[in-house]
Amino acid sequence: MNSGADLSSLVREAATYALRRTFFGGANDSTNKDNTARHKALLPSKEPIKVKQTDFDHAFSVVRPSVSKTERAKYSALSVKFGWGQPHMT
């Protein structure tokens, strides 16, 4: 289970990764020992900035859920107790 804030963090990380990939020619610029690309002036890219599946794959690997296992168990218990998320009969 992820919160709305987690979803926001995931999208933000994917977009940041796409920007790095587009402007620096590689998204993993922060781990590159040669930081010359980081110090160059940003030039307009002819390539449109598109957030791709690989950007989200990266984001999923670094963004962790903010809801703990204990909190998830509490929410699951409440869901069962009150019948949330189950179809309602009319």
C-alpha atoms as a PDB file:
ATOM      1  CA  MET A   1       0.000   0.000   0.000  1.00  0.00           C
ATOM      2  CA  ASN A   2       1.289   3.439  -0.887  1.00  0.00           C
ATOM      3  CA  SER A   3      -0.012   6.837   0.123  1.00  0.00           C
ATOM      4  CA  GLY A   4      -0.800   9.744  -2.154  1.00  0.00           C
ATOM      5  CA  ALA A   5       2.493  11.301  -1.049  1.00  0.00           C
ATOM      6  CA  ASP A   6       4.298   8.126  -2.140  1.00  0.00           C
ATOM      7  CA  LEU A   7       2.696   8.357  -5.575  1.00  0.00           C
ATOM      8  CA  SER A   8       3.763  11.990  -5.802  1.00  0.00           C
ATOM      9  CA  SER A   9       7.339  11.058  -4.863  1.00  0.00           C
ATOM     10  CA  LEU A  10       7.350   8.275  -7.436  1.00  0.00           C
ATOM     11  CA  VAL A  11       6.211  10.572 -10.266  1.00  0.00           C
ATOM     12  CA  ARG A  12       8.640  13.315  -9.186  1.00  0.00           C
ATOM     13  CA  GLU A  13      11.589  10.888  -9.158  1.00  0.00           C
ATOM     14  CA  ALA A  14      10.657   9.483 -12.586  1.00  0.00           C
ATOM     15  CA  ALA A  15      10.386  13.000 -14.038  1.00  0.00           C
ATOM     16  CA  THR A  16      13.722  14.041 -12.515  1.00  0.00           C
ATOM     17  CA  TYR A  17      15.343  10.930 -13.943  1.00  0.00           C
ATOM     18  CA  ALA A  18      13.902  11.758 -17.388  1.00  0.00           C
ATOM     19  CA  LEU A  19      15.291  15.306 -17.165  1.00  0.00           C
ATOM     20  CA  ARG A  20      18.752  14.011 -16.261  1.00  0.00           C
ATOM     21  CA  ARG A  21      18.611  11.510 -19.099  1.00  0.00           C
ATOM     22  CA  THR A  22      17.587  14.198 -21.599  1.00  0.00           C
ATOM     23  CA  PHE A  23      19.883  17.041 -20.549  1.00  0.00           C
ATOM     24  CA  PHE A  24      22.932  15.131 -19.357  1.00  0.00           C
ATOM     25  CA  GLY A  25      22.804  12.205 -21.763  1.00  0.00           C
ATOM     26  CA  GLY A  26      22.432   9.733 -18.936  1.00  0.00           C
ATOM     27  CA  ALA A  27      20.148   9.606 -15.965  1.00  0.00           C
ATOM     28  CA  ASN A  28      22.783   8.241 -13.626  1.00  0.00           C
ATOM     29  CA  ASP A  29      24.766  11.485 -13.667  1.00  0.00           C
ATOM     30  CA  SER A  30      24.882  11.733  -9.870  1.00  0.00           C
ATOM     31  CA  THR A  31      27.084   8.636  -9.607  1.00  0.00           C
ATOM     32  CA  ASN A  32      29.368   9.617 -12.484  1.00  0.00           C
ATOM     33  CA  LYS A  33      32.864  10.431 -11.176  1.00  0.00           C
ATOM     34  CA  ASP A  34      33.432  12.835 -14.066  1.00  0.00           C
ATOM     35  CA  ASN A  35      31.028  15.667 -13.247  1.00  0.00           C
ATOM     36  CA  THR A  36      31.862  17.813 -16.275  1.00  0.00           C
ATOM     37  CA  ALA A  37      28.360  17.384 -17.712  1.00  0.00           C
ATOM     38  CA  ARG A  38      26.911  18.728 -14.488  1.00  0.00           C
ATOM     39  CA  HIS A  39      28.889  21.967 -14.805  1.00  0.00           C
ATOM     40  CA  LYS A  40      28.110  22.652 -18.456  1.00  0.00           C
ATOM     41  CA  ALA A  41      25.385  25.131 -19.301  1.00  0.00           C
ATOM     42  CA  LEU A  42      22.113  23.470 -20.129  1.00  0.00           C
ATOM     43  CA  LEU A  43      21.394  23.759 -23.805  1.00  0.00           C
ATOM     44  CA  PRO A  44      17.916  23.329 -25.228  1.00  0.00           C
ATOM     45  CA  SER A  45      17.495  19.732 -26.304  1.00  0.00           C
ATOM     46  CA  LYS A  46      15.970  18.857 -29.652  1.00  0.00           C
ATOM     47  CA  GLU A  47      14.589  15.722 -28.039  1.00  0.00           C
ATOM     48  CA  PRO A  48      11.288  16.254 -26.225  1.00  0.00           C
ATOM     49  CA  ILE A  49      11.361  15.298 -22.581  1.00  0.00           C
ATOM     50  CA  LYS A  50       9.332  12.126 -22.183  1.00  0.00           C
ATOM     51  CA  VAL A  51       8.967  10.130 -19.014  1.00  0.00           C
ATOM     52  CA  LYS A  52       9.450   6.511 -20.053  1.00  0.00           C
ATOM     53  CA  GLN A  53       8.936   3.136 -18.430  1.00  0.00           C
ATOM     54  CA  THR A  54      12.661   2.972 -17.592  1.00  0.00           C
ATOM     55  CA  ASP A  55      12.298   6.230 -15.636  1.00  0.00           C
ATOM     56  CA  PHE A  56       9.501   4.690 -13.571  1.00  0.00           C
ATOM     57  CA  ASP A  57      11.501   1.484 -13.147  1.00  0.00           C
ATOM     58  CA  HIS A  58      14.282   3.577 -11.621  1.00  0.00           C
ATOM     59  CA  ALA A  59      11.802   5.472  -9.428  1.00  0.00           C
ATOM     60  CA  PHE A  60      10.304   2.213  -8.129  1.00  0.00           C
ATOM     61  CA  SER A  61      13.799   1.081  -7.177  1.00  0.00           C
ATOM     62  CA  VAL A  62      14.567   4.170  -5.051  1.00  0.00           C
ATOM     63  CA  VAL A  63      11.221   5.395  -3.667  1.00  0.00           C
ATOM     64  CA  ARG A  64      10.096   3.432  -0.636  1.00  0.00           C
ATOM     65  CA  PRO A  65       6.560   3.350   0.816  1.00  0.00           C
ATOM     66  CA  SER A  66       6.092   5.729   3.727  1.00  0.00           C
ATOM     67  CA  VAL A  67       3.427   3.520   5.294  1.00  0.00           C
ATOM     68  CA  SER A  68       5.050   1.004   7.662  1.00  0.00           C
ATOM     69  CA  LYS A  69       4.104  -2.679   7.899  1.00  0.00           C
ATOM     70  CA  THR A  70       2.479  -1.975  11.253  1.00  0.00           C
ATOM     71  CA  GLU A  71       0.356   0.834   9.825  1.00  0.00           C
ATOM     72  CA  ARG A  72      -0.595  -1.346   6.834  1.00  0.00           C
ATOM     73  CA  ALA A  73      -1.786  -4.059   9.232  1.00  0.00           C
ATOM     74  CA  LYS A  74      -3.916  -1.485  11.092  1.00  0.00           C
ATOM     75  CA  TYR A  75      -5.456  -0.233   7.827  1.00  0.00           C
ATOM     76  CA  SER A  76      -6.127  -3.809   6.714  1.00  0.00           C
ATOM     77  CA  ALA A  77      -7.879  -4.557  10.018  1.00  0.00           C
ATOM     78  CA  LEU A  78     -10.006  -1.424   9.645  1.00  0.00           C
ATOM     79  CA  SER A  79     -10.821  -2.379   6.071  1.00  0.00           C
ATOM     80  CA  VAL A  80     -12.062  -5.787   7.167  1.00  0.00           C
ATOM     81  CA  LYS A  81     -13.938  -4.355  10.159  1.00  0.00           C
ATOM     82  CA  PHE A  82     -15.802  -1.714   8.152  1.00  0.00           C
ATOM     83  CA  GLY A  83     -15.991  -3.509   4.801  1.00  0.00           C
ATOM     84  CA  TRP A  84     -14.076  -0.819   2.903  1.00  0.00           C
ATOM     85  CA  GLY A  85     -13.088  -1.674  -0.621  1.00  0.00           C
ATOM     86  CA  GLN A  86     -15.732  -4.345  -0.924  1.00  0.00           C
ATOM     87  CA  PRO A  87     -18.670  -4.051  -3.321  1.00  0.00           C
ATOM     88  CA  HIS A  88     -21.775  -2.566  -1.735  1.00  0.00           C
ATOM     89  CA  MET A  89     -25.115  -4.152  -2.463  1.00  0.00           C
ATOM     90  CA  THR A  90     -28.006  -1.773  -3.100  1.00  0.00           C
END
